[in-house]
Structures are given as structure tokens and as C-alpha cells.
PDB file of all heavy atoms in Angstrom:
ATOM      1  N   SER A   1      63.032 -27.935  13.999  1.00  0.00           N
ATOM      2  CA  SER A   1      63.086 -28.495  12.721  1.00  0.00           C
ATOM      3  C   SER A   1      62.329 -29.843  12.454  1.00  0.00           C
ATOM      4  O   SER A   1      62.249 -30.394  11.463  1.00  0.00           O
ATOM      5  CB  SER A   1      64.515 -28.680  12.159  1.00  0.00           C
ATOM      6  OG  SER A   1      65.201 -29.571  13.010  1.00  0.00           O
ATOM      7  N   PHE A   2      61.811 -30.364  13.648  1.00  0.00           N
ATOM      8  CA  PHE A   2      61.311 -31.711  13.690  1.00  0.00           C
ATOM      9  C   PHE A   2      59.749 -31.635  13.353  1.00  0.00           C
ATOM     10  O   PHE A   2      58.954 -31.044  14.087  1.00  0.00           O
ATOM     11  CB  PHE A   2      61.503 -32.367  15.090  1.00  0.00           C
ATOM     12  CG  PHE A   2      60.786 -33.680  15.113  1.00  0.00           C
ATOM     13  CD1 PHE A   2      61.295 -34.811  14.450  1.00  0.00           C
ATOM     14  CD2 PHE A   2      59.589 -33.957  15.955  1.00  0.00           C
ATOM     15  CE1 PHE A   2      60.660 -36.130  14.551  1.00  0.00           C
ATOM     16  CE2 PHE A   2      59.017 -35.185  15.988  1.00  0.00           C
ATOM     17  CZ  PHE A   2      59.660 -36.288  15.364  1.00  0.00           C
ATOM     18  N   PRO A   3      59.352 -32.350  12.272  1.00  0.00           N
ATOM     19  CA  PRO A   3      57.849 -32.255  11.955  1.00  0.00           C
ATOM     20  C   PRO A   3      57.117 -33.383  12.683  1.00  0.00           C
ATOM     21  O   PRO A   3      57.027 -34.561  12.386  1.00  0.00           O
ATOM     22  CB  PRO A   3      57.890 -32.620  10.443  1.00  0.00           C
ATOM     23  CG  PRO A   3      59.067 -33.526  10.250  1.00  0.00           C
ATOM     24  CD  PRO A   3      60.142 -32.982  11.226  1.00  0.00           C
ATOM     25  N   ALA A   4      56.488 -32.922  13.876  1.00  0.00           N
ATOM     26  CA  ALA A   4      55.749 -33.948  14.661  1.00  0.00           C
ATOM     27  C   ALA A   4      54.491 -34.457  14.000  1.00  0.00           C
ATOM     28  O   ALA A   4      54.095 -35.503  14.059  1.00  0.00           O
ATOM     29  CB  ALA A   4      55.509 -33.378  16.050  1.00  0.00           C
ATOM     30  N   LEU A   5      53.786 -33.535  13.373  1.00  0.00           N
ATOM     31  CA  LEU A   5      52.571 -33.764  12.542  1.00  0.00           C
ATOM     32  C   LEU A   5      52.708 -33.125  11.174  1.00  0.00           C
ATOM     33  O   LEU A   5      53.098 -31.845  11.094  1.00  0.00           O
ATOM     34  CB  LEU A   5      51.304 -33.365  13.234  1.00  0.00           C
ATOM     35  CG  LEU A   5      50.978 -33.927  14.563  1.00  0.00           C
ATOM     36  CD1 LEU A   5      49.755 -33.295  15.112  1.00  0.00           C
ATOM     37  CD2 LEU A   5      50.749 -35.514  14.426  1.00  0.00           C
ATOM     38  N   ASP A   6      52.330 -33.846  10.149  1.00  0.00           N
ATOM     39  CA  ASP A   6      52.496 -33.380   8.748  1.00  0.00           C
ATOM     40  C   ASP A   6      51.302 -33.576   8.095  1.00  0.00           C
ATOM     41  O   ASP A   6      51.053 -34.557   7.423  1.00  0.00           O
ATOM     42  CB  ASP A   6      53.732 -34.105   8.152  1.00  0.00           C
ATOM     43  CG  ASP A   6      54.026 -33.592   6.688  1.00  0.00           C
ATOM     44  OD1 ASP A   6      53.395 -32.577   6.320  1.00  0.00           O
ATOM     45  OD2 ASP A   6      54.852 -34.248   5.971  1.00  0.00           O
ATOM     46  N   ASP A   7      50.354 -32.506   8.015  1.00  0.00           N
ATOM     47  CA  ASP A   7      49.139 -32.463   7.337  1.00  0.00           C
ATOM     48  C   ASP A   7      48.242 -33.789   7.661  1.00  0.00           C
ATOM     49  O   ASP A   7      47.840 -34.476   6.787  1.00  0.00           O
ATOM     50  CB  ASP A   7      49.472 -32.414   5.773  1.00  0.00           C
ATOM     51  CG  ASP A   7      48.200 -32.089   5.036  1.00  0.00           C
ATOM     52  OD1 ASP A   7      47.515 -31.292   5.471  1.00  0.00           O
ATOM     53  OD2 ASP A   7      48.014 -32.495   3.963  1.00  0.00           O
ATOM     54  N   VAL A   8      47.833 -33.880   8.892  1.00  0.00           N
ATOM     55  CA  VAL A   8      47.195 -35.000   9.330  1.00  0.00           C
ATOM     56  C   VAL A   8      45.657 -34.643   9.437  1.00  0.00           C
ATOM     57  O   VAL A   8      45.207 -33.639   9.901  1.00  0.00           O
ATOM     58  CB  VAL A   8      47.602 -35.412  10.816  1.00  0.00           C
ATOM     59  CG1 VAL A   8      46.533 -36.400  11.421  1.00  0.00           C
ATOM     60  CG2 VAL A   8      48.942 -35.999  10.759  1.00  0.00           C
ATOM     61  N   SER A   9      44.862 -35.602   8.734  1.00  0.00           N
ATOM     62  CA  SER A   9      43.353 -35.392   8.718  1.00  0.00           C
ATOM     63  C   SER A   9      42.854 -36.775   9.137  1.00  0.00           C
ATOM     64  O   SER A   9      43.202 -37.809   8.646  1.00  0.00           O
ATOM     65  CB  SER A   9      43.023 -34.927   7.325  1.00  0.00           C
ATOM     66  OG  SER A   9      43.336 -33.712   7.035  1.00  0.00           O
ATOM     67  N   LEU A  10      41.745 -36.701   9.882  1.00  0.00           N
ATOM     68  CA  LEU A  10      41.040 -37.858  10.313  1.00  0.00           C
ATOM     69  C   LEU A  10      39.807 -37.467  11.016  1.00  0.00           C
ATOM     70  O   LEU A  10      39.556 -36.352  11.410  1.00  0.00           O
ATOM     71  CB  LEU A  10      41.853 -38.905  11.147  1.00  0.00           C
ATOM     72  CG  LEU A  10      42.405 -38.389  12.449  1.00  0.00           C
ATOM     73  CD1 LEU A  10      41.387 -38.649  13.554  1.00  0.00           C
ATOM     74  CD2 LEU A  10      43.670 -38.982  12.776  1.00  0.00           C
ATOM     75  N   THR A  11      38.803 -38.504  11.162  1.00  0.00           N
ATOM     76  CA  THR A  11      37.595 -38.213  11.835  1.00  0.00           C
ATOM     77  C   THR A  11      37.314 -39.320  12.881  1.00  0.00           C
ATOM     78  O   THR A  11      37.643 -40.565  12.701  1.00  0.00           O
ATOM     79  CB  THR A  11      36.354 -38.353  10.854  1.00  0.00           C
ATOM     80  OG1 THR A  11      36.603 -37.323   9.798  1.00  0.00           O
ATOM     81  CG2 THR A  11      35.115 -38.194  11.513  1.00  0.00           C
ATOM     82  N   VAL A  12      36.834 -38.903  14.082  1.00  0.00           N
ATOM     83  CA  VAL A  12      36.574 -39.807  15.088  1.00  0.00           C
ATOM     84  C   VAL A  12      35.034 -39.754  15.277  1.00  0.00           C
ATOM     85  O   VAL A  12      34.395 -38.672  15.582  1.00  0.00           O
ATOM     86  CB  VAL A  12      37.141 -39.465  16.446  1.00  0.00           C
ATOM     87  CG1 VAL A  12      36.849 -40.559  17.516  1.00  0.00           C
ATOM     88  CG2 VAL A  12      38.678 -39.237  16.342  1.00  0.00           C
ATOM     89  N   GLU A  13      34.352 -40.900  14.930  1.00  0.00           N
ATOM     90  CA  GLU A  13      32.918 -40.922  15.021  1.00  0.00           C
ATOM     91  C   GLU A  13      32.306 -40.777  16.464  1.00  0.00           C
ATOM     92  O   GLU A  13      32.982 -41.164  17.445  1.00  0.00           O
ATOM     93  CB  GLU A  13      32.386 -42.102  14.330  1.00  0.00           C
ATOM     94  CG  GLU A  13      32.697 -42.179  12.821  1.00  0.00           C
ATOM     95  CD  GLU A  13      32.035 -41.037  12.004  1.00  0.00           C
ATOM     96  OE1 GLU A  13      31.048 -40.390  12.391  1.00  0.00           O
ATOM     97  OE2 GLU A  13      32.636 -40.827  10.867  1.00  0.00           O
ATOM     98  N   SER A  14      31.218 -40.287  16.700  1.00  0.00           N
ATOM     99  CA  SER A  14      30.531 -40.226  18.007  1.00  0.00           C
ATOM    100  C   SER A  14      30.311 -41.563  18.518  1.00  0.00           C
ATOM    101  O   SER A  14      29.921 -42.469  17.936  1.00  0.00           O
ATOM    102  CB  SER A  14      29.210 -39.487  17.816  1.00  0.00           C
ATOM    103  OG  SER A  14      28.569 -39.331  19.087  1.00  0.00           O
ATOM    104  N   GLY A  15      30.762 -41.619  19.786  1.00  0.00           N
ATOM    105  CA  GLY A  15      30.791 -42.863  20.538  1.00  0.00           C
ATOM    106  C   GLY A  15      31.827 -43.940  20.148  1.00  0.00           C
ATOM    107  O   GLY A  15      31.832 -45.107  20.629  1.00  0.00           O
ATOM    108  N   GLU A  16      32.770 -43.658  19.289  1.00  0.00           N
ATOM    109  CA  GLU A  16      33.746 -44.564  18.795  1.00  0.00           C
ATOM    110  C   GLU A  16      34.914 -44.518  19.782  1.00  0.00           C
ATOM    111  O   GLU A  16      35.354 -43.607  20.516  1.00  0.00           O
ATOM    112  CB  GLU A  16      34.236 -44.093  17.387  1.00  0.00           C
ATOM    113  CG  GLU A  16      35.296 -45.024  16.831  1.00  0.00           C
ATOM    114  CD  GLU A  16      35.624 -44.556  15.336  1.00  0.00           C
ATOM    115  OE1 GLU A  16      35.776 -43.308  15.117  1.00  0.00           O
ATOM    116  OE2 GLU A  16      35.792 -45.473  14.581  1.00  0.00           O
ATOM    117  N   LEU A  17      35.602 -45.802  19.796  1.00  0.00           N
ATOM    118  CA  LEU A  17      36.828 -45.932  20.518  1.00  0.00           C
ATOM    119  C   LEU A  17      37.898 -46.068  19.493  1.00  0.00           C
ATOM    120  O   LEU A  17      38.051 -47.101  18.875  1.00  0.00           O
ATOM    121  CB  LEU A  17      36.820 -47.190  21.338  1.00  0.00           C
ATOM    122  CG  LEU A  17      38.051 -47.613  22.212  1.00  0.00           C
ATOM    123  CD1 LEU A  17      38.625 -46.406  22.959  1.00  0.00           C
ATOM    124  CD2 LEU A  17      37.821 -48.737  23.132  1.00  0.00           C
ATOM    125  N   LEU A  18      38.773 -45.058  19.312  1.00  0.00           N
ATOM    126  CA  LEU A  18      39.787 -45.025  18.219  1.00  0.00           C
ATOM    127  C   LEU A  18      41.141 -45.111  18.890  1.00  0.00           C
ATOM    128  O   LEU A  18      41.472 -44.417  19.863  1.00  0.00           O
ATOM    129  CB  LEU A  18      39.682 -43.694  17.487  1.00  0.00           C
ATOM    130  CG  LEU A  18      40.539 -43.533  16.282  1.00  0.00           C
ATOM    131  CD1 LEU A  18      39.932 -44.223  15.040  1.00  0.00           C
ATOM    132  CD2 LEU A  18      40.761 -42.003  15.926  1.00  0.00           C
ATOM    133  N   ALA A  19      42.022 -45.959  18.242  1.00  0.00           N
ATOM    134  CA  ALA A  19      43.384 -46.052  18.691  1.00  0.00           C
ATOM    135  C   ALA A  19      44.339 -45.388  17.727  1.00  0.00           C
ATOM    136  O   ALA A  19      44.191 -45.432  16.463  1.00  0.00           O
ATOM    137  CB  ALA A  19      43.830 -47.564  18.743  1.00  0.00           C
ATOM    138  N   LEU A  20      45.351 -44.505  18.365  1.00  0.00           N
ATOM    139  CA  LEU A  20      46.449 -44.078  17.462  1.00  0.00           C
ATOM    140  C   LEU A  20      47.613 -44.862  17.760  1.00  0.00           C
ATOM    141  O   LEU A  20      48.128 -44.953  18.948  1.00  0.00           O
ATOM    142  CB  LEU A  20      46.570 -42.598  18.034  1.00  0.00           C
ATOM    143  CG  LEU A  20      45.546 -41.546  17.881  1.00  0.00           C
ATOM    144  CD1 LEU A  20      45.931 -40.187  18.474  1.00  0.00           C
ATOM    145  CD2 LEU A  20      45.014 -41.412  16.557  1.00  0.00           C
ATOM    146  N   LEU A  21      48.091 -45.542  16.788  1.00  0.00           N
ATOM    147  CA  LEU A  21      49.063 -46.545  16.936  1.00  0.00           C
ATOM    148  C   LEU A  21      50.258 -46.207  16.076  1.00  0.00           C
ATOM    149  O   LEU A  21      50.148 -45.848  14.880  1.00  0.00           O
ATOM    150  CB  LEU A  21      48.456 -47.882  16.493  1.00  0.00           C
ATOM    151  CG  LEU A  21      49.425 -49.204  16.337  1.00  0.00           C
ATOM    152  CD1 LEU A  21      49.940 -49.510  17.737  1.00  0.00           C
ATOM    153  CD2 LEU A  21      48.744 -50.270  15.687  1.00  0.00           C
ATOM    154  N   GLY A  22      51.461 -46.426  16.618  1.00  0.00           N
ATOM    155  CA  GLY A  22      52.710 -46.181  15.895  1.00  0.00           C
ATOM    156  C   GLY A  22      53.876 -46.214  16.686  1.00  0.00           C
ATOM    157  O   GLY A  22      53.802 -46.295  18.004  1.00  0.00           O
ATOM    158  N   PRO A  23      55.062 -46.120  16.128  1.00  0.00           N
ATOM    159  CA  PRO A  23      56.309 -46.214  16.940  1.00  0.00           C
ATOM    160  C   PRO A  23      56.565 -44.916  17.698  1.00  0.00           C
ATOM    161  O   PRO A  23      55.899 -43.893  17.368  1.00  0.00           O
ATOM    162  CB  PRO A  23      57.364 -46.448  15.819  1.00  0.00           C
ATOM    163  CG  PRO A  23      56.779 -45.835  14.608  1.00  0.00           C
ATOM    164  CD  PRO A  23      55.326 -46.148  14.667  1.00  0.00           C
ATOM    165  N   SER A  24      57.431 -44.846  18.528  1.00  0.00           N
ATOM    166  CA  SER A  24      57.951 -43.601  19.323  1.00  0.00           C
ATOM    167  C   SER A  24      58.298 -42.591  18.178  1.00  0.00           C
ATOM    168  O   SER A  24      58.958 -42.849  17.288  1.00  0.00           O
ATOM    169  CB  SER A  24      59.040 -43.983  20.236  1.00  0.00           C
ATOM    170  OG  SER A  24      58.715 -44.904  21.192  1.00  0.00           O
TER     171      SER A  24
END
């Protein structure tokens, strides 16, 4: 019943260093 991801959309550009940041 736990929604780990809820309709997530994003783009990582070529050669980019992207951080996913958030609480536990």
C-alpha cells in the first residue's frame, strides 16, 4: 500500500551530473 513513486517525470541531460535529494 506504500506509494514509493507517484507519477514521477524528469529528464537527465547527456553528460549531466544529477542529484536525487530528499529525506528517507
